Amino acid sequence: MRSPRPIVGLLALLALLASLSVQASLDLYRFDNPAQEARFRALTHKLRCLVCQNESLADSDADLAHDLRQEVYEMVRKGQSDQQIIDYLVARYGDFVLYDPPVKPANYPLWFGPFVVLAIAALAAAIAIRRHNRPDRPPLTEEERRRAERLLAGTDNDEGDKS
């Protein structure tokens, strides 16, 4: 059996190279001052890539993410405020572009849906448990209970069994 060390090392190297490529793509942008660069980095981490599964614009390598980063870069360089940039992207792509969408009626399923699903699951579990604990047959009559006690005590002589 071969040692997994070469495979682990290769995977670690690939992960390192992937992170360096993302960092290198952010370093391609030139800013007038460190404040602009900090705003750009913060914005690209605040905004979601529209085609990736839960990745920020800063982390994504998708073509659309490159285009959106370029757009954010140009708006930062033009001196637009963070709110202006966010408002523009939300108007164009919807609240999905935000990692932290606002609480408003259109986003209620996003914010409260998991709690509703959890409540429904808890209700269904409670109903199932109650049904499981409920007896399937009606309770014994007084005569059936006395007969069962006699049977358990071994004192019941069944009249139908005269052998």
N, C-alpha and C. Protein backbone atom coordinates (compact mmCIF):
# COMPACT_ATOMS: atom_id res chain seq x y z
N MET A 1 0.85 -1.18 0.00
CA MET A 1 0.00 0.00 0.00
C MET A 1 0.89 1.24 0.00
N ARG A 2 0.55 2.18 -0.86
CA ARG A 2 1.35 3.39 -1.00
C ARG A 2 1.01 4.40 0.09
N SER A 3 1.98 5.19 0.45
CA SER A 3 1.79 6.22 1.47
C SER A 3 0.97 7.37 0.89
N PRO A 4 0.03 7.93 1.66
CA PRO A 4 -0.77 9.05 1.15
C PRO A 4 -0.05 10.39 1.19
N ARG A 5 1.18 10.41 1.66
CA ARG A 5 1.90 11.68 1.79
C ARG A 5 2.07 12.42 0.47
N PRO A 6 2.43 11.76 -0.63
CA PRO A 6 2.57 12.51 -1.88
C PRO A 6 1.24 13.13 -2.32
N ILE A 7 0.15 12.42 -2.11
CA ILE A 7 -1.15 12.96 -2.51
C ILE A 7 -1.52 14.16 -1.65
N VAL A 8 -1.31 14.05 -0.34
CA VAL A 8 -1.61 15.15 0.57
C VAL A 8 -0.74 16.35 0.21
N GLY A 9 0.51 16.11 -0.06
CA GLY A 9 1.40 17.21 -0.45
C GLY A 9 0.97 17.87 -1.73
N LEU A 10 0.55 17.09 -2.70
CA LEU A 10 0.08 17.63 -3.97
C LEU A 10 -1.18 18.46 -3.77
N LEU A 11 -2.11 17.96 -2.95
CA LEU A 11 -3.34 18.71 -2.68
C LEU A 11 -3.03 20.02 -1.97
N ALA A 12 -2.12 19.99 -1.02
CA ALA A 12 -1.74 21.21 -0.32
C ALA A 12 -1.11 22.22 -1.27
N LEU A 13 -0.27 21.74 -2.18
CA LEU A 13 0.35 22.61 -3.17
C LEU A 13 -0.69 23.23 -4.09
N LEU A 14 -1.65 22.43 -4.53
CA LEU A 14 -2.72 22.95 -5.39
C LEU A 14 -3.56 24.00 -4.66
N ALA A 15 -3.86 23.77 -3.39
CA ALA A 15 -4.63 24.74 -2.61
C ALA A 15 -3.85 26.04 -2.47
N LEU A 16 -2.56 25.94 -2.24
CA LEU A 16 -1.71 27.12 -2.12
C LEU A 16 -1.68 27.90 -3.42
N LEU A 17 -1.51 27.19 -4.52
CA LEU A 17 -1.48 27.86 -5.82
C LEU A 17 -2.81 28.53 -6.14
N ALA A 18 -3.91 27.88 -5.79
CA ALA A 18 -5.22 28.47 -6.05
C ALA A 18 -5.40 29.76 -5.24
N SER A 19 -4.99 29.74 -3.98
CA SER A 19 -5.12 30.95 -3.17
C SER A 19 -4.20 32.06 -3.67
N LEU A 20 -3.02 31.68 -4.15
CA LEU A 20 -2.10 32.69 -4.69
C LEU A 20 -2.64 33.30 -5.98
N SER A 21 -3.35 32.49 -6.78
CA SER A 21 -3.89 33.04 -8.03
C SER A 21 -4.99 34.05 -7.74
N VAL A 22 -5.81 33.79 -6.71
CA VAL A 22 -6.85 34.75 -6.34
C VAL A 22 -6.20 36.02 -5.82
N GLN A 23 -5.20 35.87 -4.96
CA GLN A 23 -4.50 37.03 -4.43
C GLN A 23 -3.83 37.81 -5.56
N ALA A 24 -3.23 37.11 -6.50
CA ALA A 24 -2.58 37.78 -7.62
C ALA A 24 -3.58 38.54 -8.47
N SER A 25 -4.80 37.98 -8.63
CA SER A 25 -5.80 38.68 -9.44
C SER A 25 -6.22 39.97 -8.75
N LEU A 26 -6.23 40.01 -7.41
CA LEU A 26 -6.57 41.26 -6.72
C LEU A 26 -5.40 42.24 -6.76
N ASP A 27 -4.19 41.73 -6.85
CA ASP A 27 -3.03 42.61 -6.88
C ASP A 27 -2.83 43.27 -8.24
N LEU A 28 -3.55 42.87 -9.25
CA LEU A 28 -3.44 43.47 -10.57
C LEU A 28 -3.98 44.90 -10.61
N TYR A 29 -4.81 45.23 -9.65
CA TYR A 29 -5.42 46.55 -9.62
C TYR A 29 -4.49 47.54 -8.94
N ARG A 30 -4.35 48.70 -9.52
CA ARG A 30 -3.50 49.76 -8.97
C ARG A 30 -4.38 50.89 -8.45
N PHE A 31 -4.08 51.34 -7.26
CA PHE A 31 -4.89 52.36 -6.61
C PHE A 31 -4.06 53.59 -6.32
N ASP A 32 -4.76 54.71 -6.15
CA ASP A 32 -4.08 55.97 -5.86
C ASP A 32 -3.56 56.02 -4.43
N ASN A 33 -4.24 55.30 -3.54
CA ASN A 33 -3.84 55.31 -2.13
C ASN A 33 -4.31 54.02 -1.45
N PRO A 34 -3.76 53.73 -0.30
CA PRO A 34 -4.14 52.51 0.41
C PRO A 34 -5.61 52.48 0.83
N ALA A 35 -6.21 53.64 1.06
CA ALA A 35 -7.62 53.69 1.45
C ALA A 35 -8.51 53.15 0.33
N GLN A 36 -8.19 53.53 -0.92
CA GLN A 36 -8.95 53.01 -2.07
C GLN A 36 -8.82 51.49 -2.17
N GLU A 37 -7.62 51.00 -1.97
CA GLU A 37 -7.39 49.56 -2.04
C GLU A 37 -8.16 48.84 -0.94
N ALA A 38 -8.16 49.41 0.26
CA ALA A 38 -8.89 48.79 1.38
C ALA A 38 -10.39 48.77 1.10
N ARG A 39 -10.92 49.85 0.53
CA ARG A 39 -12.34 49.89 0.18
C ARG A 39 -12.66 48.84 -0.87
N PHE A 40 -11.81 48.74 -1.88
CA PHE A 40 -12.02 47.76 -2.95
C PHE A 40 -12.03 46.34 -2.37
N ARG A 41 -11.04 46.04 -1.53
CA ARG A 41 -10.98 44.70 -0.93
C ARG A 41 -12.21 44.43 -0.06
N ALA A 42 -12.62 45.40 0.73
CA ALA A 42 -13.79 45.22 1.59
C ALA A 42 -15.05 45.01 0.75
N LEU A 43 -15.19 45.80 -0.30
CA LEU A 43 -16.38 45.65 -1.16
C LEU A 43 -16.41 44.30 -1.86
N THR A 44 -15.28 43.87 -2.38
CA THR A 44 -15.27 42.59 -3.10
C THR A 44 -15.48 41.41 -2.16
N HIS A 45 -15.21 41.59 -0.87
CA HIS A 45 -15.52 40.53 0.10
C HIS A 45 -16.97 40.61 0.57
N LYS A 46 -17.57 41.79 0.46
CA LYS A 46 -18.97 41.98 0.87
C LYS A 46 -19.95 41.51 -0.20
N LEU A 47 -19.48 41.48 -1.44
CA LEU A 47 -20.36 41.15 -2.57
C LEU A 47 -20.17 39.70 -2.99
N ARG A 48 -21.28 39.08 -3.39
CA ARG A 48 -21.29 37.66 -3.75
C ARG A 48 -21.12 37.51 -5.26
N CYS A 49 -20.36 36.51 -5.66
CA CYS A 49 -20.27 36.15 -7.07
C CYS A 49 -21.63 35.58 -7.48
N LEU A 50 -22.13 36.01 -8.61
CA LEU A 50 -23.47 35.62 -9.02
C LEU A 50 -23.53 34.22 -9.64
N VAL A 51 -22.41 33.67 -10.05
CA VAL A 51 -22.43 32.35 -10.68
C VAL A 51 -21.79 31.27 -9.82
N CYS A 52 -21.12 31.65 -8.76
CA CYS A 52 -20.43 30.67 -7.92
C CYS A 52 -21.30 30.26 -6.75
N GLN A 53 -20.97 29.14 -6.19
CA GLN A 53 -21.69 28.64 -5.03
C GLN A 53 -21.10 29.28 -3.78
N ASN A 54 -21.71 30.35 -3.33
CA ASN A 54 -21.36 30.99 -2.07
C ASN A 54 -19.90 31.45 -2.01
N GLU A 55 -19.46 32.15 -3.02
CA GLU A 55 -18.12 32.74 -3.02
C GLU A 55 -18.24 34.24 -3.19
N SER A 56 -17.34 34.97 -2.58
CA SER A 56 -17.33 36.41 -2.76
C SER A 56 -16.69 36.76 -4.09
N LEU A 57 -16.85 38.02 -4.48
CA LEU A 57 -16.19 38.47 -5.72
C LEU A 57 -14.67 38.35 -5.58
N ALA A 58 -14.18 38.58 -4.38
CA ALA A 58 -12.73 38.50 -4.17
C ALA A 58 -12.21 37.08 -4.34
N ASP A 59 -13.03 36.10 -3.96
CA ASP A 59 -12.57 34.70 -3.97
C ASP A 59 -12.86 33.98 -5.29
N SER A 60 -13.76 34.50 -6.08
CA SER A 60 -14.20 33.79 -7.27
C SER A 60 -13.26 34.00 -8.45
N ASP A 61 -13.17 32.94 -9.25
CA ASP A 61 -12.35 33.01 -10.46
C ASP A 61 -13.22 32.98 -11.71
N ALA A 62 -14.53 33.12 -11.54
CA ALA A 62 -15.45 33.08 -12.68
C ALA A 62 -15.30 34.34 -13.53
N ASP A 63 -15.62 34.21 -14.81
CA ASP A 63 -15.50 35.36 -15.72
C ASP A 63 -16.37 36.53 -15.27
N LEU A 64 -17.60 36.23 -14.82
CA LEU A 64 -18.48 37.30 -14.36
C LEU A 64 -17.89 38.00 -13.15
N ALA A 65 -17.26 37.24 -12.26
CA ALA A 65 -16.63 37.84 -11.08
C ALA A 65 -15.49 38.78 -11.50
N HIS A 66 -14.72 38.39 -12.52
CA HIS A 66 -13.66 39.28 -13.03
C HIS A 66 -14.28 40.58 -13.54
N ASP A 67 -15.37 40.45 -14.28
CA ASP A 67 -16.04 41.64 -14.83
C ASP A 67 -16.58 42.53 -13.71
N LEU A 68 -17.20 41.91 -12.70
CA LEU A 68 -17.74 42.70 -11.60
C LEU A 68 -16.64 43.35 -10.77
N ARG A 69 -15.54 42.64 -10.56
CA ARG A 69 -14.41 43.25 -9.85
C ARG A 69 -13.89 44.46 -10.62
N GLN A 70 -13.80 44.33 -11.93
CA GLN A 70 -13.34 45.45 -12.75
C GLN A 70 -14.29 46.64 -12.63
N GLU A 71 -15.59 46.32 -12.60
CA GLU A 71 -16.60 47.38 -12.47
C GLU A 71 -16.48 48.07 -11.11
N VAL A 72 -16.33 47.28 -10.06
CA VAL A 72 -16.17 47.84 -8.71
C VAL A 72 -14.88 48.66 -8.65
N TYR A 73 -13.81 48.16 -9.24
CA TYR A 73 -12.53 48.88 -9.27
C TYR A 73 -12.69 50.25 -9.93
N GLU A 74 -13.36 50.29 -11.07
CA GLU A 74 -13.54 51.56 -11.78
C GLU A 74 -14.39 52.54 -10.98
N MET A 75 -15.42 52.02 -10.31
CA MET A 75 -16.27 52.90 -9.50
C MET A 75 -15.51 53.44 -8.28
N VAL A 76 -14.67 52.60 -7.68
CA VAL A 76 -13.85 53.05 -6.55
C VAL A 76 -12.88 54.12 -7.03
N ARG A 77 -12.26 53.89 -8.16
CA ARG A 77 -11.30 54.86 -8.71
C ARG A 77 -11.98 56.18 -9.07
N LYS A 78 -13.26 56.12 -9.48
CA LYS A 78 -14.00 57.35 -9.82
C LYS A 78 -14.45 58.11 -8.59
N GLY A 79 -14.26 57.51 -7.41
CA GLY A 79 -14.61 58.21 -6.18
C GLY A 79 -16.03 57.96 -5.70
N GLN A 80 -16.72 56.98 -6.26
CA GLN A 80 -18.07 56.69 -5.78
C GLN A 80 -18.00 56.07 -4.39
N SER A 81 -19.01 56.36 -3.60
CA SER A 81 -19.03 55.83 -2.23
C SER A 81 -19.37 54.34 -2.25
N ASP A 82 -19.08 53.68 -1.14
CA ASP A 82 -19.41 52.26 -1.03
C ASP A 82 -20.91 52.05 -1.24
N GLN A 83 -21.72 52.92 -0.64
CA GLN A 83 -23.18 52.77 -0.76
C GLN A 83 -23.63 52.97 -2.20
N GLN A 84 -23.03 53.90 -2.93
CA GLN A 84 -23.39 54.09 -4.34
C GLN A 84 -23.06 52.84 -5.15
N ILE A 85 -21.91 52.26 -4.89
CA ILE A 85 -21.49 51.05 -5.61
C ILE A 85 -22.44 49.90 -5.30
N ILE A 86 -22.74 49.72 -4.02
CA ILE A 86 -23.65 48.64 -3.61
C ILE A 86 -25.04 48.87 -4.19
N ASP A 87 -25.54 50.10 -4.12
CA ASP A 87 -26.86 50.40 -4.68
C ASP A 87 -26.92 50.10 -6.17
N TYR A 88 -25.86 50.45 -6.89
CA TYR A 88 -25.81 50.19 -8.33
C TYR A 88 -25.88 48.69 -8.60
N LEU A 89 -25.06 47.91 -7.88
CA LEU A 89 -25.04 46.47 -8.12
C LEU A 89 -26.34 45.80 -7.70
N VAL A 90 -26.94 46.27 -6.61
CA VAL A 90 -28.23 45.71 -6.18
C VAL A 90 -29.31 46.05 -7.20
N ALA A 91 -29.30 47.26 -7.71
CA ALA A 91 -30.30 47.64 -8.72
C ALA A 91 -30.14 46.79 -9.98
N ARG A 92 -28.92 46.46 -10.29
CA ARG A 92 -28.66 45.70 -11.52
C ARG A 92 -28.86 44.18 -11.34
N TYR A 93 -28.44 43.64 -10.17
CA TYR A 93 -28.44 42.18 -9.98
C TYR A 93 -29.37 41.69 -8.86
N GLY A 94 -29.93 42.60 -8.09
CA GLY A 94 -30.81 42.19 -7.00
C GLY A 94 -30.04 41.97 -5.71
N ASP A 95 -30.79 41.68 -4.65
CA ASP A 95 -30.19 41.50 -3.32
C ASP A 95 -29.28 40.29 -3.23
N PHE A 96 -29.39 39.37 -4.18
CA PHE A 96 -28.55 38.17 -4.16
C PHE A 96 -27.07 38.52 -4.22
N VAL A 97 -26.73 39.67 -4.77
CA VAL A 97 -25.34 40.07 -4.90
C VAL A 97 -24.72 40.40 -3.53
N LEU A 98 -25.56 40.58 -2.51
CA LEU A 98 -25.08 40.91 -1.18
C LEU A 98 -24.96 39.64 -0.33
N TYR A 99 -23.89 39.54 0.44
CA TYR A 99 -23.78 38.43 1.38
C TYR A 99 -24.72 38.62 2.55
N ASP A 100 -25.04 39.85 2.88
CA ASP A 100 -25.91 40.17 4.01
C ASP A 100 -27.10 40.98 3.48
N PRO A 101 -28.07 40.30 2.83
CA PRO A 101 -29.19 41.03 2.24
C PRO A 101 -30.05 41.68 3.32
N PRO A 102 -30.71 42.80 3.00
CA PRO A 102 -31.53 43.49 3.99
C PRO A 102 -32.79 42.68 4.32
N VAL A 103 -33.32 42.92 5.52
CA VAL A 103 -34.56 42.27 5.92
C VAL A 103 -35.70 43.11 5.36
N LYS A 104 -36.37 42.57 4.35
CA LYS A 104 -37.53 43.22 3.75
C LYS A 104 -38.43 42.11 3.22
N PRO A 105 -39.69 42.42 2.93
CA PRO A 105 -40.64 41.36 2.55
C PRO A 105 -40.15 40.43 1.44
N ALA A 106 -39.46 40.94 0.48
CA ALA A 106 -38.99 40.08 -0.61
C ALA A 106 -37.95 39.07 -0.13
N ASN A 107 -37.27 39.39 0.96
CA ASN A 107 -36.22 38.51 1.48
C ASN A 107 -36.66 37.72 2.71
N TYR A 108 -37.92 37.81 3.11
CA TYR A 108 -38.40 37.06 4.28
C TYR A 108 -38.11 35.56 4.16
N PRO A 109 -38.36 34.94 2.99
CA PRO A 109 -38.03 33.50 2.91
C PRO A 109 -36.55 33.22 3.19
N LEU A 110 -35.70 34.10 2.76
CA LEU A 110 -34.27 33.93 2.98
C LEU A 110 -33.92 34.04 4.46
N TRP A 111 -34.50 35.02 5.13
CA TRP A 111 -34.18 35.26 6.53
C TRP A 111 -34.91 34.31 7.47
N PHE A 112 -36.21 34.08 7.21
CA PHE A 112 -37.03 33.34 8.16
C PHE A 112 -37.38 31.93 7.70
N GLY A 113 -37.10 31.60 6.46
CA GLY A 113 -37.42 30.27 5.92
C GLY A 113 -36.82 29.14 6.73
N PRO A 114 -35.55 29.20 7.10
CA PRO A 114 -34.98 28.10 7.88
C PRO A 114 -35.71 27.88 9.21
N PHE A 115 -36.14 28.98 9.86
CA PHE A 115 -36.85 28.84 11.13
C PHE A 115 -38.23 28.24 10.92
N VAL A 116 -38.89 28.61 9.82
CA VAL A 116 -40.20 28.04 9.51
C VAL A 116 -40.06 26.54 9.25
N VAL A 117 -39.07 26.16 8.47
CA VAL A 117 -38.84 24.73 8.18
C VAL A 117 -38.53 23.98 9.47
N LEU A 118 -37.74 24.57 10.35
CA LEU A 118 -37.41 23.95 11.63
C LEU A 118 -38.66 23.79 12.49
N ALA A 119 -39.52 24.81 12.52
CA ALA A 119 -40.76 24.73 13.30
C ALA A 119 -41.68 23.64 12.75
N ILE A 120 -41.79 23.54 11.43
CA ILE A 120 -42.62 22.50 10.82
C ILE A 120 -42.07 21.12 11.14
N ALA A 121 -40.75 20.98 11.08
CA ALA A 121 -40.14 19.69 11.40
C ALA A 121 -40.37 19.33 12.87
N ALA A 122 -40.27 20.31 13.77
CA ALA A 122 -40.51 20.05 15.20
C ALA A 122 -41.97 19.66 15.43
N LEU A 123 -42.89 20.33 14.75
CA LEU A 123 -44.31 20.00 14.87
C LEU A 123 -44.58 18.59 14.35
N ALA A 124 -44.01 18.26 13.21
CA ALA A 124 -44.19 16.91 12.64
C ALA A 124 -43.61 15.85 13.58
N ALA A 125 -42.47 16.12 14.19
CA ALA A 125 -41.87 15.18 15.13
C ALA A 125 -42.75 15.02 16.36
N ALA A 126 -43.30 16.11 16.87
CA ALA A 126 -44.17 16.04 18.04
C ALA A 126 -45.42 15.23 17.73
N ILE A 127 -46.00 15.44 16.56
CA ILE A 127 -47.19 14.68 16.17
C ILE A 127 -46.86 13.20 16.03
N ALA A 128 -45.73 12.90 15.42
CA ALA A 128 -45.33 11.51 15.24
C ALA A 128 -45.09 10.84 16.59
N ILE A 129 -44.47 11.54 17.52
CA ILE A 129 -44.21 10.97 18.85
C ILE A 129 -45.52 10.73 19.59
N ARG A 130 -46.44 11.69 19.51
CA ARG A 130 -47.74 11.50 20.18
C ARG A 130 -48.50 10.33 19.59
N ARG A 131 -48.46 10.20 18.26
CA ARG A 131 -49.15 9.07 17.63
C ARG A 131 -48.50 7.75 18.04
N HIS A 132 -47.20 7.75 18.15
CA HIS A 132 -46.49 6.53 18.53
C HIS A 132 -46.82 6.13 19.97
N ASN A 133 -46.95 7.10 20.85
CA ASN A 133 -47.22 6.82 22.25
C ASN A 133 -48.70 6.54 22.52
N ARG A 134 -49.58 6.88 21.61
CA ARG A 134 -51.00 6.65 21.81
C ARG A 134 -51.30 5.17 21.59
N PRO A 135 -52.10 4.56 22.48
CA PRO A 135 -52.42 3.14 22.28
C PRO A 135 -53.29 2.95 21.04
N ASP A 136 -53.02 1.84 20.34
CA ASP A 136 -53.77 1.56 19.12
C ASP A 136 -55.15 0.98 19.44
N ARG A 137 -55.26 0.32 20.58
CA ARG A 137 -56.52 -0.31 20.97
C ARG A 137 -57.14 0.46 22.12
N PRO A 138 -58.45 0.33 22.25
CA PRO A 138 -59.10 0.98 23.40
C PRO A 138 -58.65 0.29 24.68
N PRO A 139 -58.73 0.98 25.79
CA PRO A 139 -58.29 0.38 27.06
C PRO A 139 -59.18 -0.82 27.42
N LEU A 140 -58.63 -1.69 28.24
CA LEU A 140 -59.36 -2.89 28.66
C LEU A 140 -60.58 -2.52 29.50
N THR A 141 -61.62 -3.30 29.32
CA THR A 141 -62.77 -3.13 30.20
C THR A 141 -62.41 -3.70 31.57
N GLU A 142 -63.23 -3.40 32.53
CA GLU A 142 -62.96 -3.90 33.88
C GLU A 142 -62.95 -5.43 33.92
N GLU A 143 -63.86 -6.06 33.20
CA GLU A 143 -63.90 -7.53 33.16
C GLU A 143 -62.65 -8.10 32.50
N GLU A 144 -62.17 -7.47 31.40
CA GLU A 144 -60.96 -7.94 30.71
C GLU A 144 -59.73 -7.77 31.62
N ARG A 145 -59.70 -6.70 32.37
CA ARG A 145 -58.59 -6.45 33.27
C ARG A 145 -58.53 -7.51 34.38
N ARG A 146 -59.71 -7.84 34.97
CA ARG A 146 -59.75 -8.86 36.02
C ARG A 146 -59.32 -10.21 35.47
N ARG A 147 -59.79 -10.55 34.26
CA ARG A 147 -59.43 -11.83 33.66
C ARG A 147 -57.92 -11.89 33.40
N ALA A 148 -57.33 -10.77 32.90
CA ALA A 148 -55.89 -10.72 32.65
C ALA A 148 -55.12 -10.91 33.96
N GLU A 149 -55.60 -10.30 35.04
CA GLU A 149 -54.93 -10.47 36.33
C GLU A 149 -55.00 -11.93 36.79
N ARG A 150 -56.17 -12.59 36.59
CA ARG A 150 -56.29 -14.00 36.96
C ARG A 150 -55.36 -14.86 36.10
N LEU A 151 -55.27 -14.55 34.81
CA LEU A 151 -54.39 -15.32 33.92
C LEU A 151 -52.93 -15.17 34.35
N LEU A 152 -52.54 -13.96 34.68
CA LEU A 152 -51.16 -13.74 35.11
C LEU A 152 -50.87 -14.40 36.45
N ALA A 153 -51.88 -14.47 37.28
CA ALA A 153 -51.70 -15.12 38.58
C ALA A 153 -51.79 -16.65 38.47
N GLY A 154 -52.30 -17.14 37.32
CA GLY A 154 -52.43 -18.58 37.09
C GLY A 154 -53.64 -19.17 37.78
N THR A 155 -54.60 -18.35 38.13
CA THR A 155 -55.80 -18.84 38.81
C THR A 155 -57.00 -18.91 37.92
N ASP A 156 -56.85 -18.58 36.64
CA ASP A 156 -58.01 -18.61 35.73
C ASP A 156 -58.15 -19.98 35.12
N ASN A 157 -59.27 -20.57 35.31
CA ASN A 157 -59.59 -21.86 34.68
C ASN A 157 -60.51 -21.57 33.53
N ASP A 158 -59.99 -21.69 32.34
CA ASP A 158 -60.76 -21.40 31.14
C ASP A 158 -61.86 -22.44 31.01
N GLU A 159 -63.11 -21.99 30.97
CA GLU A 159 -64.23 -22.93 30.88
C GLU A 159 -64.25 -23.67 29.57
N GLY A 160 -63.74 -23.12 28.55
CA GLY A 160 -63.76 -23.78 27.23
C GLY A 160 -62.67 -24.82 27.12
N ASP A 161 -61.76 -24.90 28.10
CA ASP A 161 -60.64 -25.84 28.01
C ASP A 161 -60.79 -26.90 29.07
N LYS A 162 -61.63 -27.91 28.82
CA LYS A 162 -61.84 -29.00 29.76
C LYS A 162 -61.24 -30.26 29.22
N SER A 163 -59.96 -30.42 29.33
CA SER A 163 -59.34 -31.62 28.84
C SER A 163 -58.96 -32.55 29.94
